[in-house]
Amino acid sequence: MSSLPNCPKCNSEYTYEDGSLLVCPECAHEWSRVSESGNSEDEKVIKDANGNVLNDGDSITIIKDLKVKGSSSVLKIGTKVKNIRLVDGDHDIDCKIDGFGAMKLKSEFVKKI
């Protein structure tokens, strides 16, 4: 028997884990286990330039032209990035930018869409 909680939206008992999220197959509601038991002291909250909390899978926009180290390329202001992944370290966003490739960004240079 599973020890997963029922869905907070529709109270379905058929919830399952998908990475760090809990998912309800009946109403498609997704939520974090941390939000249910209060904030975990281990987990760091990552915010964008406007103070919005970022989560895995969010879409963001770059708010400043960013020079790419080791290249003559520049990431332009307004570049949209989908499906980000939050990681620990100096650069706390891991993502793939269309037409550019894999990239690590700092949260202070992005805003949530």
Protein backbone atom coordinates (compact mmCIF):
# COMPACT_ATOMS: atom_id res chain seq x y z
CA MET A 1 0.00 0.00 0.00
CA SER A 2 1.23 3.44 -0.90
CA SER A 3 1.87 6.11 1.73
CA LEU A 4 1.24 8.94 -0.74
CA PRO A 5 -1.36 11.54 0.25
CA ASN A 6 -4.65 12.00 -1.57
CA CYS A 7 -4.94 14.75 -4.16
CA PRO A 8 -5.66 18.09 -2.44
CA LYS A 9 -7.82 19.20 -5.37
CA CYS A 10 -10.13 16.22 -6.03
CA ASN A 11 -9.23 13.92 -3.10
CA SER A 12 -8.30 11.03 -5.43
CA GLU A 13 -6.33 8.22 -3.83
CA TYR A 14 -4.52 7.28 -7.06
CA THR A 15 -1.68 9.81 -6.79
CA TYR A 16 1.83 8.92 -7.96
CA GLU A 17 5.31 10.41 -7.81
CA ASP A 18 6.94 12.01 -10.86
CA GLY A 19 10.39 13.17 -9.87
CA SER A 20 9.98 15.60 -6.98
CA LEU A 21 6.28 16.20 -7.73
CA LEU A 22 3.15 14.30 -6.82
CA VAL A 23 0.60 13.92 -9.64
CA CYS A 24 -3.11 13.10 -9.70
CA PRO A 25 -4.08 11.07 -12.80
CA GLU A 26 -7.75 11.99 -12.49
CA CYS A 27 -7.60 15.81 -12.44
CA ALA A 28 -3.95 16.27 -13.63
CA HIS A 29 -3.12 18.38 -10.55
CA GLU A 30 0.61 18.51 -9.66
CA TRP A 31 2.03 19.56 -6.31
CA SER A 32 5.16 19.25 -4.25
CA ARG A 33 5.35 17.04 -1.22
CA VAL A 34 7.30 19.82 0.56
CA SER A 35 4.39 22.26 0.24
CA GLU A 36 2.19 19.85 2.17
CA SER A 37 4.51 19.30 5.12
CA GLY A 38 5.79 22.88 5.31
CA ASN A 39 9.04 24.26 3.96
CA SER A 40 11.98 21.94 4.23
CA GLU A 41 15.09 23.50 5.77
CA ASP A 42 17.29 21.57 3.32
CA GLU A 43 15.59 22.95 0.23
CA LYS A 44 16.76 26.32 -1.08
CA VAL A 45 14.13 28.61 -2.60
CA ILE A 46 15.27 30.06 -5.93
CA LYS A 47 13.67 33.32 -7.06
CA ASP A 48 13.86 35.26 -10.33
CA ALA A 49 14.79 38.95 -10.70
CA ASN A 50 11.25 40.02 -9.73
CA GLY A 51 11.08 37.80 -6.63
CA ASN A 52 8.85 35.06 -8.11
CA VAL A 53 9.66 31.55 -6.92
CA LEU A 54 11.03 29.32 -9.69
CA ASN A 55 10.22 25.61 -10.00
CA ASP A 56 11.44 22.79 -12.23
CA GLY A 57 9.69 22.90 -15.60
CA ASP A 58 8.94 26.64 -15.57
CA SER A 59 9.42 28.88 -18.60
CA ILE A 60 11.59 31.97 -18.24
CA THR A 61 12.79 34.99 -20.21
CA ILE A 62 16.30 36.46 -20.12
CA ILE A 63 16.16 40.10 -18.93
CA LYS A 64 19.68 41.22 -19.90
CA ASP A 65 22.07 40.55 -22.79
CA LEU A 66 24.43 37.87 -21.49
CA LYS A 67 27.91 37.26 -22.88
CA VAL A 68 28.72 33.56 -23.15
CA LYS A 69 32.06 32.72 -21.59
CA GLY A 70 34.47 31.12 -24.06
CA SER A 71 32.44 32.22 -27.08
CA SER A 72 31.78 35.37 -29.06
CA SER A 73 28.02 34.71 -28.84
CA VAL A 74 25.55 36.73 -26.82
CA LEU A 75 22.21 35.61 -25.40
CA LYS A 76 19.86 38.45 -26.25
CA ILE A 77 17.34 40.08 -23.94
CA GLY A 78 13.91 38.50 -24.32
CA THR A 79 15.20 35.01 -25.20
CA LYS A 80 12.60 32.51 -23.99
CA VAL A 81 13.68 29.31 -22.28
CA LYS A 82 11.25 26.44 -21.61
CA ASN A 83 11.41 23.59 -19.13
CA ILE A 84 14.16 24.76 -16.78
CA ARG A 85 15.78 22.54 -14.17
CA LEU A 86 16.95 23.96 -10.83
CA VAL A 87 20.36 22.86 -9.56
CA ASP A 88 22.68 23.72 -6.67
CA GLY A 89 25.67 25.94 -7.22
CA ASP A 90 26.59 29.42 -8.40
CA HIS A 91 24.49 29.09 -11.58
CA ASP A 92 21.20 27.71 -10.29
CA ILE A 93 19.28 27.12 -13.56
CA ASP A 94 20.17 24.34 -15.99
CA CYS A 95 18.40 24.55 -19.36
CA LYS A 96 18.56 24.00 -23.09
CA ILE A 97 18.18 27.08 -25.29
CA ASP A 98 16.84 26.56 -28.83
CA GLY A 99 19.52 27.31 -31.40
CA PHE A 100 22.21 27.53 -28.73
CA GLY A 101 22.35 24.32 -26.66
CA ALA A 102 22.81 23.44 -23.02
CA MET A 103 23.38 26.40 -20.71
CA LYS A 104 23.58 27.27 -17.02
CA LEU A 105 22.06 30.58 -15.94
CA LYS A 106 21.89 32.64 -12.78
CA SER A 107 18.36 33.29 -11.52
CA GLU A 108 19.06 37.02 -11.07
CA PHE A 109 19.13 37.49 -14.88
CA VAL A 110 15.79 35.83 -15.69
CA LYS A 111 12.10 36.41 -15.07
CA LYS A 112 9.32 33.87 -14.92
CA ILE A 113 6.78 33.90 -17.74
